[in-house]
Amino acid sequence: MIHPRIDDLLQNVDSRYALVIVAAKRARQINNYHHQLGEGTFDDNPPPLVESRSKNYLTMAMEEISEGLLSYDYPKS
């Protein structure tokens, strides 16, 4: 079973497309943050915003979305 549930995640985003994009970008940021820990550099990649039992960065990103800790906006074309 997937945790958090897709139905719960969709309450905090506009669409499934937005969910995929936001979760993927945030998972990439968390991955970059963990790689920078070893190098001693900290750029624009904030640490995970939730305490998670999972070591999977995508799961951490989805837990952040589920708790409403992430916000996003669409760029104007």
N, C-alpha and C. Protein backbone atom coordinates (compact mmCIF):
# COMPACT_ATOMS: atom_id res chain seq x y z
N MET A 1 0.84 -1.17 0.00
CA MET A 1 0.00 0.00 0.00
C MET A 1 0.89 1.25 0.00
N ILE A 2 0.50 2.23 -0.77
CA ILE A 2 1.25 3.47 -0.88
C ILE A 2 0.86 4.39 0.28
N HIS A 3 1.87 4.92 0.92
CA HIS A 3 1.63 5.88 2.00
C HIS A 3 2.46 7.11 1.74
N PRO A 4 1.96 8.28 1.70
CA PRO A 4 0.55 8.68 1.86
C PRO A 4 -0.27 8.34 0.62
N ARG A 5 -1.56 8.23 0.83
CA ARG A 5 -2.47 7.86 -0.25
C ARG A 5 -2.57 8.97 -1.30
N ILE A 6 -2.78 8.56 -2.54
CA ILE A 6 -2.88 9.51 -3.65
C ILE A 6 -4.03 10.49 -3.43
N ASP A 7 -5.15 10.01 -2.90
CA ASP A 7 -6.30 10.88 -2.65
C ASP A 7 -5.94 12.00 -1.68
N ASP A 8 -5.16 11.67 -0.65
CA ASP A 8 -4.74 12.68 0.32
C ASP A 8 -3.77 13.68 -0.32
N LEU A 9 -2.90 13.20 -1.18
CA LEU A 9 -1.93 14.07 -1.84
C LEU A 9 -2.62 15.05 -2.79
N LEU A 10 -3.64 14.59 -3.48
CA LEU A 10 -4.32 15.43 -4.46
C LEU A 10 -5.10 16.56 -3.82
N GLN A 11 -5.31 16.52 -2.51
CA GLN A 11 -5.99 17.62 -1.82
C GLN A 11 -5.08 18.84 -1.70
N ASN A 12 -3.76 18.63 -1.82
CA ASN A 12 -2.80 19.72 -1.64
C ASN A 12 -2.18 20.22 -2.94
N VAL A 13 -2.57 19.64 -4.06
CA VAL A 13 -2.07 20.08 -5.37
C VAL A 13 -3.25 20.20 -6.34
N ASP A 14 -3.00 20.83 -7.49
CA ASP A 14 -4.06 21.06 -8.45
C ASP A 14 -4.44 19.83 -9.27
N SER A 15 -3.43 19.00 -9.59
CA SER A 15 -3.68 17.87 -10.48
C SER A 15 -2.63 16.79 -10.25
N ARG A 16 -2.83 15.66 -10.88
CA ARG A 16 -1.83 14.59 -10.80
C ARG A 16 -0.52 15.02 -11.46
N TYR A 17 -0.64 15.78 -12.52
CA TYR A 17 0.55 16.28 -13.21
C TYR A 17 1.37 17.15 -12.26
N ALA A 18 0.71 18.07 -11.56
CA ALA A 18 1.41 18.93 -10.61
C ALA A 18 2.03 18.11 -9.49
N LEU A 19 1.34 17.08 -9.04
CA LEU A 19 1.87 16.21 -7.99
C LEU A 19 3.17 15.56 -8.43
N VAL A 20 3.20 15.04 -9.64
CA VAL A 20 4.40 14.38 -10.16
C VAL A 20 5.56 15.37 -10.27
N ILE A 21 5.30 16.53 -10.82
CA ILE A 21 6.36 17.53 -11.01
C ILE A 21 6.90 18.03 -9.67
N VAL A 22 6.01 18.39 -8.75
CA VAL A 22 6.44 18.92 -7.45
C VAL A 22 7.20 17.86 -6.66
N ALA A 23 6.69 16.63 -6.64
CA ALA A 23 7.35 15.56 -5.88
C ALA A 23 8.72 15.23 -6.47
N ALA A 24 8.82 15.19 -7.79
CA ALA A 24 10.10 14.87 -8.43
C ALA A 24 11.14 15.96 -8.17
N LYS A 25 10.73 17.22 -8.28
CA LYS A 25 11.69 18.31 -8.03
C LYS A 25 12.13 18.34 -6.58
N ARG A 26 11.20 18.11 -5.66
CA ARG A 26 11.57 18.12 -4.24
C ARG A 26 12.45 16.92 -3.90
N ALA A 27 12.17 15.76 -4.48
CA ALA A 27 13.02 14.59 -4.23
C ALA A 27 14.44 14.84 -4.74
N ARG A 28 14.55 15.52 -5.86
CA ARG A 28 15.86 15.88 -6.40
C ARG A 28 16.60 16.83 -5.46
N GLN A 29 15.88 17.78 -4.87
CA GLN A 29 16.49 18.70 -3.91
C GLN A 29 16.99 17.95 -2.66
N ILE A 30 16.19 17.02 -2.17
CA ILE A 30 16.59 16.25 -0.98
C ILE A 30 17.81 15.40 -1.31
N ASN A 31 17.83 14.80 -2.49
CA ASN A 31 18.99 14.01 -2.92
C ASN A 31 20.24 14.88 -2.98
N ASN A 32 20.13 16.07 -3.58
CA ASN A 32 21.27 16.98 -3.66
C ASN A 32 21.74 17.41 -2.27
N TYR A 33 20.80 17.64 -1.36
CA TYR A 33 21.15 18.03 0.00
C TYR A 33 22.00 16.94 0.66
N HIS A 34 21.58 15.69 0.54
CA HIS A 34 22.31 14.58 1.16
C HIS A 34 23.69 14.39 0.54
N HIS A 35 23.82 14.63 -0.75
CA HIS A 35 25.13 14.51 -1.39
C HIS A 35 26.05 15.65 -0.98
N GLN A 36 25.50 16.82 -0.71
CA GLN A 36 26.31 17.97 -0.30
C GLN A 36 26.78 17.86 1.14
N LEU A 37 26.11 17.04 1.94
CA LEU A 37 26.54 16.87 3.33
C LEU A 37 27.96 16.34 3.39
N GLY A 38 28.29 15.40 2.53
CA GLY A 38 29.63 14.83 2.51
C GLY A 38 30.68 15.80 2.02
N GLU A 39 30.29 16.73 1.17
CA GLU A 39 31.23 17.69 0.61
C GLU A 39 31.39 18.92 1.49
N GLY A 40 30.47 19.14 2.42
CA GLY A 40 30.54 20.30 3.30
C GLY A 40 30.04 21.57 2.68
N THR A 41 29.34 21.49 1.54
CA THR A 41 28.78 22.68 0.90
C THR A 41 27.26 22.63 1.02
N PHE A 42 26.67 23.79 1.20
CA PHE A 42 25.22 23.87 1.29
C PHE A 42 24.75 24.96 0.34
N ASP A 43 24.09 24.55 -0.72
CA ASP A 43 23.60 25.51 -1.71
C ASP A 43 22.12 25.79 -1.45
N ASP A 44 21.32 25.74 -2.48
CA ASP A 44 19.90 26.07 -2.38
C ASP A 44 19.03 24.84 -2.12
N ASN A 45 19.57 23.84 -1.48
CA ASN A 45 18.83 22.61 -1.25
C ASN A 45 18.54 22.45 0.24
N PRO A 46 17.30 22.77 0.65
CA PRO A 46 16.97 22.66 2.07
C PRO A 46 16.87 21.19 2.51
N PRO A 47 17.08 20.94 3.78
CA PRO A 47 16.96 19.56 4.28
C PRO A 47 15.52 19.09 4.25
N PRO A 48 15.29 17.79 4.44
CA PRO A 48 13.91 17.29 4.49
C PRO A 48 13.12 18.00 5.59
N LEU A 49 11.86 18.29 5.31
CA LEU A 49 11.02 19.03 6.24
C LEU A 49 10.22 18.11 7.16
N VAL A 50 10.34 16.81 6.98
CA VAL A 50 9.61 15.85 7.81
C VAL A 50 10.57 14.81 8.35
N GLU A 51 10.21 14.24 9.48
CA GLU A 51 10.93 13.08 10.00
C GLU A 51 10.28 11.85 9.37
N SER A 52 11.04 11.10 8.62
CA SER A 52 10.48 9.97 7.89
C SER A 52 11.21 8.69 8.25
N ARG A 53 10.47 7.60 8.32
CA ARG A 53 11.10 6.30 8.52
C ARG A 53 11.71 5.78 7.22
N SER A 54 11.26 6.34 6.11
CA SER A 54 11.73 5.91 4.80
C SER A 54 13.04 6.60 4.45
N LYS A 55 13.87 5.90 3.73
CA LYS A 55 15.11 6.47 3.20
C LYS A 55 14.95 6.88 1.74
N ASN A 56 13.76 6.68 1.21
CA ASN A 56 13.48 7.01 -0.18
C ASN A 56 13.13 8.50 -0.28
N TYR A 57 13.86 9.22 -1.11
CA TYR A 57 13.67 10.67 -1.22
C TYR A 57 12.31 11.04 -1.79
N LEU A 58 11.79 10.24 -2.70
CA LEU A 58 10.48 10.51 -3.27
C LEU A 58 9.39 10.35 -2.22
N THR A 59 9.52 9.36 -1.36
CA THR A 59 8.56 9.17 -0.27
C THR A 59 8.61 10.36 0.68
N MET A 60 9.81 10.84 0.98
CA MET A 60 9.94 12.02 1.85
C MET A 60 9.24 13.22 1.22
N ALA A 61 9.43 13.40 -0.08
CA ALA A 61 8.79 14.52 -0.78
C ALA A 61 7.28 14.40 -0.73
N MET A 62 6.75 13.21 -0.91
CA MET A 62 5.30 13.01 -0.87
C MET A 62 4.75 13.22 0.53
N GLU A 63 5.52 12.86 1.55
CA GLU A 63 5.07 13.11 2.92
C GLU A 63 5.03 14.62 3.19
N GLU A 64 5.98 15.37 2.64
CA GLU A 64 5.96 16.82 2.78
C GLU A 64 4.73 17.43 2.10
N ILE A 65 4.39 16.92 0.92
CA ILE A 65 3.21 17.39 0.20
C ILE A 65 1.95 17.05 0.99
N SER A 66 1.89 15.85 1.53
CA SER A 66 0.73 15.40 2.29
C SER A 66 0.48 16.27 3.51
N GLU A 67 1.54 16.73 4.15
CA GLU A 67 1.40 17.56 5.34
C GLU A 67 1.24 19.05 5.01
N GLY A 68 1.25 19.38 3.72
CA GLY A 68 1.04 20.76 3.30
C GLY A 68 2.24 21.67 3.54
N LEU A 69 3.45 21.10 3.57
CA LEU A 69 4.65 21.87 3.84
C LEU A 69 5.26 22.49 2.59
N LEU A 70 4.80 22.09 1.42
CA LEU A 70 5.34 22.62 0.17
C LEU A 70 4.29 23.46 -0.53
N SER A 71 4.74 24.52 -1.14
CA SER A 71 3.87 25.33 -1.97
C SER A 71 4.56 25.53 -3.32
N TYR A 72 3.79 25.80 -4.33
CA TYR A 72 4.34 25.98 -5.67
C TYR A 72 3.43 26.93 -6.43
N ASP A 73 3.96 27.47 -7.51
CA ASP A 73 3.15 28.28 -8.41
C ASP A 73 3.61 28.03 -9.83
N TYR A 74 2.73 28.30 -10.76
CA TYR A 74 3.04 28.08 -12.16
C TYR A 74 3.69 29.34 -12.72
N PRO A 75 4.79 29.17 -13.48
CA PRO A 75 5.39 30.35 -14.11
C PRO A 75 4.47 30.88 -15.22
N LYS A 76 4.47 32.18 -15.38
CA LYS A 76 3.63 32.78 -16.42
C LYS A 76 4.37 32.74 -17.74
N SER A 77 3.70 32.28 -18.76
CA SER A 77 4.33 32.15 -20.08
C SER A 77 4.30 33.44 -20.84
